[in-house]
Amino acid sequence: MTADPHRDVVAVLRWTITVTLLLNQAGSDYAVDQARGSWPVSEGKILTRRIRVAQSFTAAIVMALMAVNQGAPSASAQPCPDIGVAFARGTSEPVGVGTVGQAFVDSVRAQAFPRTVGVHGVNYPASSDFFGPGFTQNVATGARDVLDHVRGVVSVCPQTQMILGGYSQGAMVSAFATSDVLPAGLPPEAAPAPLPPEIADHVAAVVLFGRPNGPALVKYGVPALGASPTYAAKLLALCAPGDSVCAGDPAAPVDPVAHGQYAANGMVGSAAAFAVSRIPAALPPPPPLP
């Protein structure tokens, strides 16, 4: 049976109220007896001090228990989501999922309703150091965070289906996390361990916006990565017309603002529809605990 901390706090509060009433009653009885002259003054002072100390001690216990309970919500207060989204933001965006990531999450929530959606902003530098070994290390750091997050979610929420995504540099992060090829220049010991099949099965979709490709790979020294067979059928890579970062053809027309328009050009809605379509409407019940 799972313990309910809210019920425990209610029990403590009831106990405290009872003790406090008894102490107050004892204090009242002492006051009456003292007025009648039937209680020695020295004993009355001792009782009064004990009552005050006990009241203060009891109040402190209750406040501490309530603070602990509020600071550590129970699992029942935060149930496992039906869908989890791990999204890697683009270069120099603030910590979180970024503008494209937030638009994608909003669309997933709208299309998956009433199913619940949890969100994880991939933890990695997202720096603009494109021209040195630091870039590959940044991508590896983000990929490791993605994979660790998926392992953690699956370990406690086996019913949750995961969607991995990324924009621009963040697309390289999620691509690396789902690739079976090491980026050039990255030592094998520095590469994050891939997900075992039984955990990779919980990844329903991988969605990449504006992933560097073609000339951009050469310009920024970005390693070329392809999805492993495990994720190939789950992958959707989107490149806006005129986006020179992801366009593979150097002769293609270039739109200088196209790379920053994924949140507004309708592609997040298409990507969300693809991802949600890969998640079953009703998941089988988890296996019984041993």
C-alpha atoms as a PDB file:
ATOM      1  CA  MET A   1       0.000   0.000   0.000  1.00  0.00           C
ATOM      2  CA  THR A   2       1.316   3.491  -0.809  1.00  0.00           C
ATOM      3  CA  ALA A   3       1.605   5.854   2.125  1.00  0.00           C
ATOM      4  CA  ASP A   4      -0.435   9.071   1.867  1.00  0.00           C
ATOM      5  CA  PRO A   5       1.577  11.936   3.400  1.00  0.00           C
ATOM      6  CA  HIS A   6      -1.476  14.220   3.350  1.00  0.00           C
ATOM      7  CA  ARG A   7      -3.372  11.762   5.538  1.00  0.00           C
ATOM      8  CA  ASP A   8      -0.369  11.583   7.868  1.00  0.00           C
ATOM      9  CA  VAL A   9      -0.283  15.350   8.262  1.00  0.00           C
ATOM     10  CA  VAL A  10      -4.014  15.441   8.988  1.00  0.00           C
ATOM     11  CA  ALA A  11      -3.471  12.826  11.702  1.00  0.00           C
ATOM     12  CA  VAL A  12      -0.657  14.902  13.207  1.00  0.00           C
ATOM     13  CA  LEU A  13      -2.827  18.002  13.157  1.00  0.00           C
ATOM     14  CA  ARG A  14      -5.647  16.172  14.946  1.00  0.00           C
ATOM     15  CA  TRP A  15      -3.213  14.891  17.550  1.00  0.00           C
ATOM     16  CA  THR A  16      -1.779  18.378  18.021  1.00  0.00           C
ATOM     17  CA  ILE A  17      -5.193  19.950  18.462  1.00  0.00           C
ATOM     18  CA  THR A  18      -6.086  17.347  21.077  1.00  0.00           C
ATOM     19  CA  VAL A  19      -2.846  17.860  23.007  1.00  0.00           C
ATOM     20  CA  THR A  20      -3.172  21.625  22.829  1.00  0.00           C
ATOM     21  CA  LEU A  21      -6.738  21.532  24.140  1.00  0.00           C
ATOM     22  CA  LEU A  22      -5.663  19.310  27.028  1.00  0.00           C
ATOM     23  CA  LEU A  23      -2.766  21.610  27.825  1.00  0.00           C
ATOM     24  CA  ASN A  24      -5.016  24.653  27.677  1.00  0.00           C
ATOM     25  CA  GLN A  25      -7.507  22.906  29.917  1.00  0.00           C
ATOM     26  CA  ALA A  26      -4.724  22.077  32.377  1.00  0.00           C
ATOM     27  CA  GLY A  27      -3.695  25.702  32.323  1.00  0.00           C
ATOM     28  CA  SER A  28      -7.269  26.806  32.942  1.00  0.00           C
ATOM     29  CA  ASP A  29      -7.668  24.346  35.828  1.00  0.00           C
ATOM     30  CA  TYR A  30      -4.443  25.623  37.332  1.00  0.00           C
ATOM     31  CA  ALA A  31      -5.664  29.235  37.067  1.00  0.00           C
ATOM     32  CA  VAL A  32      -8.932  28.387  38.840  1.00  0.00           C
ATOM     33  CA  ASP A  33      -7.178  26.370  41.570  1.00  0.00           C
ATOM     34  CA  GLN A  34      -4.661  29.128  42.098  1.00  0.00           C
ATOM     35  CA  ALA A  35      -7.452  31.669  42.442  1.00  0.00           C
ATOM     36  CA  ARG A  36      -9.070  29.439  45.021  1.00  0.00           C
ATOM     37  CA  GLY A  37      -5.782  29.049  46.821  1.00  0.00           C
ATOM     38  CA  SER A  38      -5.822  25.280  46.418  1.00  0.00           C
ATOM     39  CA  TRP A  39      -2.642  24.968  44.293  1.00  0.00           C
ATOM     40  CA  PRO A  40       0.821  25.729  45.661  1.00  0.00           C
ATOM     41  CA  VAL A  41       2.339  28.727  43.890  1.00  0.00           C
ATOM     42  CA  SER A  42       5.675  27.003  43.217  1.00  0.00           C
ATOM     43  CA  GLU A  43       3.999  23.999  41.550  1.00  0.00           C
ATOM     44  CA  GLY A  44       1.763  26.309  39.540  1.00  0.00           C
ATOM     45  CA  LYS A  45       4.727  28.177  38.095  1.00  0.00           C
ATOM     46  CA  ILE A  46       6.384  24.919  37.129  1.00  0.00           C
ATOM     47  CA  LEU A  47       3.216  23.684  35.436  1.00  0.00           C
ATOM     48  CA  THR A  48       2.804  26.972  33.555  1.00  0.00           C
ATOM     49  CA  ARG A  49       6.329  26.786  32.205  1.00  0.00           C
ATOM     50  CA  ARG A  50       5.820  23.148  31.186  1.00  0.00           C
ATOM     51  CA  ILE A  51       2.585  23.999  29.431  1.00  0.00           C
ATOM     52  CA  ARG A  52       4.206  26.830  27.478  1.00  0.00           C
ATOM     53  CA  VAL A  53       7.194  24.710  26.517  1.00  0.00           C
ATOM     54  CA  ALA A  54       4.972  21.826  25.439  1.00  0.00           C
ATOM     55  CA  GLN A  55       2.757  24.128  23.388  1.00  0.00           C
ATOM     56  CA  SER A  56       5.753  25.702  21.643  1.00  0.00           C
ATOM     57  CA  PHE A  57       7.337  22.310  21.016  1.00  0.00           C
ATOM     58  CA  THR A  58       4.122  20.910  19.569  1.00  0.00           C
ATOM     59  CA  ALA A  59       3.652  23.918  17.278  1.00  0.00           C
ATOM     60  CA  ALA A  60       7.230  23.597  16.040  1.00  0.00           C
ATOM     61  CA  ILE A  61       6.734  19.923  15.220  1.00  0.00           C
ATOM     62  CA  VAL A  62       3.584  20.621  13.221  1.00  0.00           C
ATOM     63  CA  MET A  63       5.160  23.488  11.272  1.00  0.00           C
ATOM     64  CA  ALA A  64       8.183  21.349  10.425  1.00  0.00           C
ATOM     65  CA  LEU A  65       6.030  18.443   9.271  1.00  0.00           C
ATOM     66  CA  MET A  66       3.914  20.711   7.102  1.00  0.00           C
ATOM     67  CA  ALA A  67       7.018  22.304   5.559  1.00  0.00           C
ATOM     68  CA  VAL A  68       8.527  18.920   4.766  1.00  0.00           C
ATOM     69  CA  ASN A  69       5.277  17.732   3.249  1.00  0.00           C
ATOM     70  CA  GLN A  70       4.961  20.820   1.052  1.00  0.00           C
ATOM     71  CA  GLY A  71       8.599  20.606  -0.064  1.00  0.00           C
ATOM     72  CA  ALA A  72       8.434  16.937  -1.060  1.00  0.00           C
ATOM     73  CA  PRO A  73       5.169  16.198  -2.900  1.00  0.00           C
ATOM     74  CA  SER A  74       4.130  12.603  -3.029  1.00  0.00           C
ATOM     75  CA  ALA A  75       4.072  10.473  -6.143  1.00  0.00           C
ATOM     76  CA  SER A  76       0.295  10.608  -6.023  1.00  0.00           C
ATOM     77  CA  ALA A  77       0.469  14.423  -6.303  1.00  0.00           C
ATOM     78  CA  GLN A  78       2.557  14.143  -9.479  1.00  0.00           C
ATOM     79  CA  PRO A  79       1.367  11.071 -11.380  1.00  0.00           C
ATOM     80  CA  CYS A  80       3.301   9.714 -14.340  1.00  0.00           C
ATOM     81  CA  PRO A  81       2.377  11.489 -17.580  1.00  0.00           C
ATOM     82  CA  ASP A  82       0.982   9.542 -20.496  1.00  0.00           C
ATOM     83  CA  ILE A  83       3.523  11.220 -22.788  1.00  0.00           C
ATOM     84  CA  GLY A  84       6.952  12.638 -22.056  1.00  0.00           C
ATOM     85  CA  VAL A  85       8.704  15.149 -24.332  1.00  0.00           C
ATOM     86  CA  ALA A  86      12.473  15.682 -24.094  1.00  0.00           C
ATOM     87  CA  PHE A  87      13.444  18.623 -26.312  1.00  0.00           C
ATOM     88  CA  ALA A  88      16.865  20.189 -26.936  1.00  0.00           C
ATOM     89  CA  ARG A  89      16.813  23.945 -27.531  1.00  0.00           C
ATOM     90  CA  GLY A  90      18.726  25.757 -30.255  1.00  0.00           C
ATOM     91  CA  THR A  91      21.994  27.694 -30.049  1.00  0.00           C
ATOM     92  CA  SER A  92      22.149  30.392 -27.355  1.00  0.00           C
ATOM     93  CA  GLU A  93      18.509  29.972 -26.332  1.00  0.00           C
ATOM     94  CA  PRO A  94      17.734  30.259 -22.603  1.00  0.00           C
ATOM     95  CA  VAL A  95      17.649  27.085 -20.541  1.00  0.00           C
ATOM     96  CA  GLY A  96      14.492  25.103 -21.197  1.00  0.00           C
ATOM     97  CA  VAL A  97      12.956  23.814 -24.417  1.00  0.00           C
ATOM     98  CA  GLY A  98      13.347  27.035 -26.414  1.00  0.00           C
ATOM     99  CA  THR A  99      10.837  28.806 -28.644  1.00  0.00           C
ATOM    100  CA  VAL A 100      10.398  26.009 -31.190  1.00  0.00           C
ATOM    101  CA  GLY A 101      10.313  23.410 -28.430  1.00  0.00           C
ATOM    102  CA  GLN A 102       7.568  25.239 -26.530  1.00  0.00           C
ATOM    103  CA  ALA A 103       5.455  25.597 -29.670  1.00  0.00           C
ATOM    104  CA  PHE A 104       5.919  21.889 -30.339  1.00  0.00           C
ATOM    105  CA  VAL A 105       4.977  20.939 -26.769  1.00  0.00           C
ATOM    106  CA  ASP A 106       1.868  23.137 -26.916  1.00  0.00           C
ATOM    107  CA  SER A 107       0.793  21.445 -30.137  1.00  0.00           C
ATOM    108  CA  VAL A 108       1.436  17.964 -28.714  1.00  0.00           C
ATOM    109  CA  ARG A 109      -0.680  18.797 -25.673  1.00  0.00           C
ATOM    110  CA  ALA A 110      -3.514  20.089 -27.830  1.00  0.00           C
ATOM    111  CA  GLN A 111      -3.494  17.084 -30.152  1.00  0.00           C
ATOM    112  CA  ALA A 112      -2.976  14.456 -27.440  1.00  0.00           C
ATOM    113  CA  PHE A 113      -5.657  15.781 -25.059  1.00  0.00           C
ATOM    114  CA  PRO A 114      -6.928  14.441 -22.681  1.00  0.00           C
ATOM    115  CA  ARG A 115      -3.690  12.517 -22.255  1.00  0.00           C
ATOM    116  CA  THR A 116      -1.145  14.238 -20.030  1.00  0.00           C
ATOM    117  CA  VAL A 117       2.230  15.486 -21.264  1.00  0.00           C
ATOM    118  CA  GLY A 118       5.417  15.916 -19.232  1.00  0.00           C
ATOM    119  CA  VAL A 119       8.278  18.096 -20.501  1.00  0.00           C
ATOM    120  CA  HIS A 120      12.063  17.990 -20.069  1.00  0.00           C
ATOM    121  CA  GLY A 121      14.358  20.676 -21.433  1.00  0.00           C
ATOM    122  CA  VAL A 122      17.605  18.915 -22.321  1.00  0.00           C
ATOM    123  CA  ASN A 123      20.447  20.075 -20.122  1.00  0.00           C
ATOM    124  CA  TYR A 124      23.419  21.020 -22.306  1.00  0.00           C
ATOM    125  CA  PRO A 125      25.416  24.213 -23.062  1.00  0.00           C
ATOM    126  CA  ALA A 126      23.847  25.099 -26.463  1.00  0.00           C
ATOM    127  CA  SER A 127      26.807  27.430 -26.991  1.00  0.00           C
ATOM    128  CA  SER A 128      27.917  29.082 -30.227  1.00  0.00           C
ATOM    129  CA  ASP A 129      31.370  27.468 -30.138  1.00  0.00           C
ATOM    130  CA  PHE A 130      31.026  25.827 -33.536  1.00  0.00           C
ATOM    131  CA  PHE A 131      34.624  25.822 -34.651  1.00  0.00           C
ATOM    132  CA  GLY A 132      36.399  23.708 -32.065  1.00  0.00           C
ATOM    133  CA  PRO A 133      36.145  20.371 -30.316  1.00  0.00           C
ATOM    134  CA  GLY A 134      33.834  21.963 -27.763  1.00  0.00           C
ATOM    135  CA  PHE A 135      30.893  21.705 -30.132  1.00  0.00           C
ATOM    136  CA  THR A 136      31.083  17.930 -30.370  1.00  0.00           C
ATOM    137  CA  GLN A 137      31.471  17.718 -26.599  1.00  0.00           C
ATOM    138  CA  ASN A 138      28.377  19.896 -26.145  1.00  0.00           C
ATOM    139  CA  VAL A 139      26.361  17.642 -28.420  1.00  0.00           C
ATOM    140  CA  ALA A 140      27.598  14.575 -26.542  1.00  0.00           C
ATOM    141  CA  THR A 141      26.650  16.186 -23.219  1.00  0.00           C
ATOM    142  CA  GLY A 142      23.138  16.850 -24.469  1.00  0.00           C
ATOM    143  CA  ALA A 143      22.754  13.359 -25.906  1.00  0.00           C
ATOM    144  CA  ARG A 144      23.822  11.862 -22.585  1.00  0.00           C
ATOM    145  CA  ASP A 145      21.204  13.949 -20.768  1.00  0.00           C
ATOM    146  CA  VAL A 146      18.501  12.815 -23.221  1.00  0.00           C
ATOM    147  CA  LEU A 147      19.347   9.143 -22.746  1.00  0.00           C
ATOM    148  CA  ASP A 148      19.674   9.431 -18.967  1.00  0.00           C
ATOM    149  CA  HIS A 149      16.304  11.163 -18.830  1.00  0.00           C
ATOM    150  CA  VAL A 150      14.612   8.427 -20.854  1.00  0.00           C
ATOM    151  CA  ARG A 151      16.130   5.749 -18.603  1.00  0.00           C
ATOM    152  CA  GLY A 152      14.947   7.595 -15.515  1.00  0.00           C
ATOM    153  CA  VAL A 153      11.409   8.059 -16.790  1.00  0.00           C
ATOM    154  CA  VAL A 154      11.030   4.464 -17.893  1.00  0.00           C
ATOM    155  CA  SER A 155      12.346   3.176 -14.562  1.00  0.00           C
ATOM    156  CA  VAL A 156       9.579   4.896 -12.584  1.00  0.00           C
ATOM    157  CA  CYS A 157       6.895   5.409 -15.255  1.00  0.00           C
ATOM    158  CA  PRO A 158       6.878   2.329 -17.509  1.00  0.00           C
ATOM    159  CA  GLN A 159       3.602   3.421 -19.108  1.00  0.00           C
ATOM    160  CA  THR A 160       4.936   6.776 -20.309  1.00  0.00           C
ATOM    161  CA  GLN A 161       5.690   7.043 -24.036  1.00  0.00           C
ATOM    162  CA  MET A 162       8.597   9.326 -24.939  1.00  0.00           C
ATOM    163  CA  ILE A 163       8.973  11.870 -27.752  1.00  0.00           C
ATOM    164  CA  LEU A 164      12.485  13.168 -28.430  1.00  0.00           C
ATOM    165  CA  GLY A 165      13.025  16.409 -30.296  1.00  0.00           C
ATOM    166  CA  GLY A 166      15.392  19.242 -30.997  1.00  0.00           C
ATOM    167  CA  TYR A 167      15.879  22.414 -32.991  1.00  0.00           C
ATOM    168  CA  SER A 168      19.041  23.431 -34.872  1.00  0.00           C
ATOM    169  CA  GLN A 169      21.986  22.511 -32.629  1.00  0.00           C
ATOM    170  CA  GLY A 170      19.467  20.761 -30.407  1.00  0.00           C
ATOM    171  CA  ALA A 171      18.423  18.652 -33.386  1.00  0.00           C
ATOM    172  CA  MET A 172      22.001  17.412 -33.538  1.00  0.00           C
ATOM    173  CA  VAL A 173      21.725  16.464 -29.857  1.00  0.00           C
ATOM    174  CA  SER A 174      18.636  14.304 -30.371  1.00  0.00           C
ATOM    175  CA  ALA A 175      20.090  12.921 -33.605  1.00  0.00           C
ATOM    176  CA  PHE A 176      23.224  11.841 -31.740  1.00  0.00           C
ATOM    177  CA  ALA A 177      21.117  10.286 -28.973  1.00  0.00           C
ATOM    178  CA  THR A 178      19.369   8.089 -31.536  1.00  0.00           C
ATOM    179  CA  SER A 179      22.331   7.382 -33.832  1.00  0.00           C
ATOM    180  CA  ASP A 180      24.531   4.320 -33.975  1.00  0.00           C
ATOM    181  CA  VAL A 181      27.494   6.338 -35.340  1.00  0.00           C
ATOM    182  CA  LEU A 182      30.011   8.195 -33.199  1.00  0.00           C
ATOM    183  CA  PRO A 183      30.783  11.790 -34.243  1.00  0.00           C
ATOM    184  CA  ALA A 184      34.264  12.260 -35.641  1.00  0.00           C
ATOM    185  CA  GLY A 185      36.798  13.208 -33.022  1.00  0.00           C
ATOM    186  CA  LEU A 186      34.804  11.908 -30.063  1.00  0.00           C
ATOM    187  CA  PRO A 187      36.587   9.169 -28.130  1.00  0.00           C
ATOM    188  CA  PRO A 188      34.439   6.065 -27.632  1.00  0.00           C
ATOM    189  CA  GLU A 189      34.720   6.373 -23.856  1.00  0.00           C
ATOM    190  CA  ALA A 190      33.215   9.875 -24.058  1.00  0.00           C
ATOM    191  CA  ALA A 191      30.164   8.735 -25.993  1.00  0.00           C
ATOM    192  CA  PRO A 192      26.935   8.101 -24.046  1.00  0.00           C
ATOM    193  CA  ALA A 193      25.780   4.499 -23.914  1.00  0.00           C
ATOM    194  CA  PRO A 194      22.814   3.844 -26.252  1.00  0.00           C
ATOM    195  CA  LEU A 195      19.496   2.718 -24.856  1.00  0.00           C
ATOM    196  CA  PRO A 196      18.938  -1.032 -24.651  1.00  0.00           C
ATOM    197  CA  PRO A 197      16.071  -2.267 -26.863  1.00  0.00           C
ATOM    198  CA  GLU A 198      13.621  -2.706 -24.000  1.00  0.00           C
ATOM    199  CA  ILE A 199      13.994   0.985 -23.086  1.00  0.00           C
ATOM    200  CA  ALA A 200      14.293   2.280 -26.664  1.00  0.00           C
ATOM    201  CA  ASP A 201      10.864   0.741 -27.280  1.00  0.00           C
ATOM    202  CA  HIS A 202       9.407   3.463 -25.060  1.00  0.00           C
ATOM    203  CA  VAL A 203      10.572   6.138 -27.532  1.00  0.00           C
ATOM    204  CA  ALA A 204       7.567   6.610 -29.799  1.00  0.00           C
ATOM    205  CA  ALA A 205       8.909   9.382 -32.040  1.00  0.00           C
ATOM    206  CA  VAL A 206      11.960  11.527 -32.795  1.00  0.00           C
ATOM    207  CA  VAL A 207      11.321  14.964 -34.320  1.00  0.00           C
ATOM    208  CA  LEU A 208      14.115  17.214 -35.609  1.00  0.00           C
ATOM    209  CA  PHE A 209      13.682  20.825 -36.770  1.00  0.00           C
ATOM    210  CA  GLY A 210      16.360  22.467 -38.910  1.00  0.00           C
ATOM    211  CA  ARG A 211      19.063  19.884 -38.281  1.00  0.00           C
ATOM    212  CA  PRO A 212      22.381  21.062 -39.804  1.00  0.00           C
ATOM    213  CA  ASN A 213      23.015  19.315 -43.079  1.00  0.00           C
ATOM    214  CA  GLY A 214      25.023  19.602 -46.283  1.00  0.00           C
ATOM    215  CA  PRO A 215      27.193  22.749 -46.430  1.00  0.00           C
ATOM    216  CA  ALA A 216      26.426  23.580 -42.794  1.00  0.00           C
ATOM    217  CA  LEU A 217      28.146  20.387 -41.706  1.00  0.00           C
ATOM    218  CA  VAL A 218      31.337  21.565 -43.383  1.00  0.00           C
ATOM    219  CA  LYS A 219      31.051  25.209 -42.353  1.00  0.00           C
ATOM    220  CA  TYR A 220      30.606  24.492 -38.660  1.00  0.00           C
ATOM    221  CA  GLY A 221      32.457  21.207 -38.461  1.00  0.00           C
ATOM    222  CA  VAL A 222      29.266  19.448 -37.417  1.00  0.00           C
ATOM    223  CA  PRO A 223      29.448  15.634 -37.533  1.00  0.00           C
ATOM    224  CA  ALA A 224      27.056  13.859 -39.862  1.00  0.00           C
ATOM    225  CA  LEU A 225      24.708  11.574 -37.959  1.00  0.00           C
ATOM    226  CA  GLY A 226      21.974   9.227 -39.088  1.00  0.00           C
ATOM    227  CA  ALA A 227      19.317   7.444 -37.074  1.00  0.00           C
ATOM    228  CA  SER A 228      19.984   3.876 -36.088  1.00  0.00           C
ATOM    229  CA  PRO A 229      17.615   1.181 -37.402  1.00  0.00           C
ATOM    230  CA  THR A 230      15.939   1.228 -33.976  1.00  0.00           C
ATOM    231  CA  TYR A 231      14.652   4.763 -34.564  1.00  0.00           C
ATOM    232  CA  ALA A 232      14.574   5.096 -38.364  1.00  0.00           C
ATOM    233  CA  ALA A 233      10.820   4.485 -38.664  1.00  0.00           C
ATOM    234  CA  LYS A 234      10.144   6.837 -35.743  1.00  0.00           C
ATOM    235  CA  LEU A 235      12.110   9.776 -37.166  1.00  0.00           C
ATOM    236  CA  LEU A 236      10.736  12.937 -38.764  1.00  0.00           C
ATOM    237  CA  ALA A 237      13.286  15.559 -39.867  1.00  0.00           C
ATOM    238  CA  LEU A 238      11.833  18.886 -41.000  1.00  0.00           C
ATOM    239  CA  CYS A 239      13.642  21.543 -43.036  1.00  0.00           C
ATOM    240  CA  ALA A 240      11.846  24.758 -43.967  1.00  0.00           C
ATOM    241  CA  PRO A 241      12.121  25.953 -47.574  1.00  0.00           C
ATOM    242  CA  GLY A 242      15.069  28.300 -47.883  1.00  0.00           C
ATOM    243  CA  ASP A 243      16.681  27.198 -44.596  1.00  0.00           C
ATOM    244  CA  SER A 244      20.359  27.042 -45.534  1.00  0.00           C
ATOM    245  CA  VAL A 245      21.283  25.373 -42.235  1.00  0.00           C
ATOM    246  CA  CYS A 246      19.475  22.146 -43.075  1.00  0.00           C
ATOM    247  CA  ALA A 247      19.283  22.321 -46.861  1.00  0.00           C
ATOM    248  CA  GLY A 248      21.445  19.685 -48.465  1.00  0.00           C
ATOM    249  CA  ASP A 249      21.697  21.494 -51.802  1.00  0.00           C
ATOM    250  CA  PRO A 250      24.064  24.497 -51.791  1.00  0.00           C
ATOM    251  CA  ALA A 251      22.396  25.781 -54.960  1.00  0.00           C
ATOM    252  CA  ALA A 252      18.938  25.930 -53.352  1.00  0.00           C
ATOM    253  CA  PRO A 253      17.398  29.412 -52.826  1.00  0.00           C
ATOM    254  CA  VAL A 254      18.192  30.824 -49.395  1.00  0.00           C
ATOM    255  CA  ASP A 255      15.693  32.568 -47.127  1.00  0.00           C
ATOM    256  CA  PRO A 256      17.711  34.297 -44.377  1.00  0.00           C
ATOM    257  CA  VAL A 257      14.831  34.144 -41.873  1.00  0.00           C
ATOM    258  CA  ALA A 258      13.619  30.617 -42.636  1.00  0.00           C
ATOM    259  CA  HIS A 259      15.722  28.959 -39.931  1.00  0.00           C
ATOM    260  CA  GLY A 260      14.012  30.979 -37.223  1.00  0.00           C
ATOM    261  CA  GLN A 261      10.429  30.428 -38.391  1.00  0.00           C
ATOM    262  CA  TYR A 262       9.667  26.856 -37.282  1.00  0.00           C
ATOM    263  CA  ALA A 263       7.482  27.994 -34.395  1.00  0.00           C
ATOM    264  CA  ALA A 264       5.293  29.981 -36.791  1.00  0.00           C
ATOM    265  CA  ASN A 265       5.392  28.208 -40.187  1.00  0.00           C
ATOM    266  CA  GLY A 266       3.061  25.334 -39.258  1.00  0.00           C
ATOM    267  CA  MET A 267       5.725  22.658 -39.063  1.00  0.00           C
ATOM    268  CA  VAL A 268       5.409  22.204 -35.292  1.00  0.00           C
ATOM    269  CA  GLY A 269       1.787  21.191 -35.823  1.00  0.00           C
ATOM    270  CA  SER A 270       2.729  18.662 -38.487  1.00  0.00           C
ATOM    271  CA  ALA A 271       5.504  17.284 -36.283  1.00  0.00           C
ATOM    272  CA  ALA A 272       3.160  17.009 -33.296  1.00  0.00           C
ATOM    273  CA  ALA A 273       0.593  15.162 -35.425  1.00  0.00           C
ATOM    274  CA  PHE A 274       3.264  12.702 -36.513  1.00  0.00           C
ATOM    275  CA  ALA A 275       4.475  12.130 -32.943  1.00  0.00           C
ATOM    276  CA  VAL A 276       1.010  11.776 -31.412  1.00  0.00           C
ATOM    277  CA  SER A 277      -0.070   9.368 -34.171  1.00  0.00           C
ATOM    278  CA  ARG A 278       2.681   6.988 -33.086  1.00  0.00           C
ATOM    279  CA  ILE A 279       1.409   6.783 -29.505  1.00  0.00           C
ATOM    280  CA  PRO A 280      -1.354   4.235 -28.860  1.00  0.00           C
ATOM    281  CA  ALA A 281      -4.572   5.694 -27.530  1.00  0.00           C
ATOM    282  CA  ALA A 282      -4.672   3.114 -24.745  1.00  0.00           C
ATOM    283  CA  LEU A 283      -1.550   1.544 -23.340  1.00  0.00           C
ATOM    284  CA  PRO A 284      -1.530  -2.009 -21.934  1.00  0.00           C
ATOM    285  CA  PRO A 285      -1.450  -2.218 -18.126  1.00  0.00           C
ATOM    286  CA  PRO A 286       1.998  -2.534 -16.558  1.00  0.00           C
ATOM    287  CA  PRO A 287       3.099  -5.997 -15.455  1.00  0.00           C
ATOM    288  CA  PRO A 288       2.310  -6.869 -11.821  1.00  0.00           C
ATOM    289  CA  LEU A 289       4.982  -6.233  -9.253  1.00  0.00           C
ATOM    290  CA  PRO A 290       6.857  -9.361  -8.100  1.00  0.00           C
END
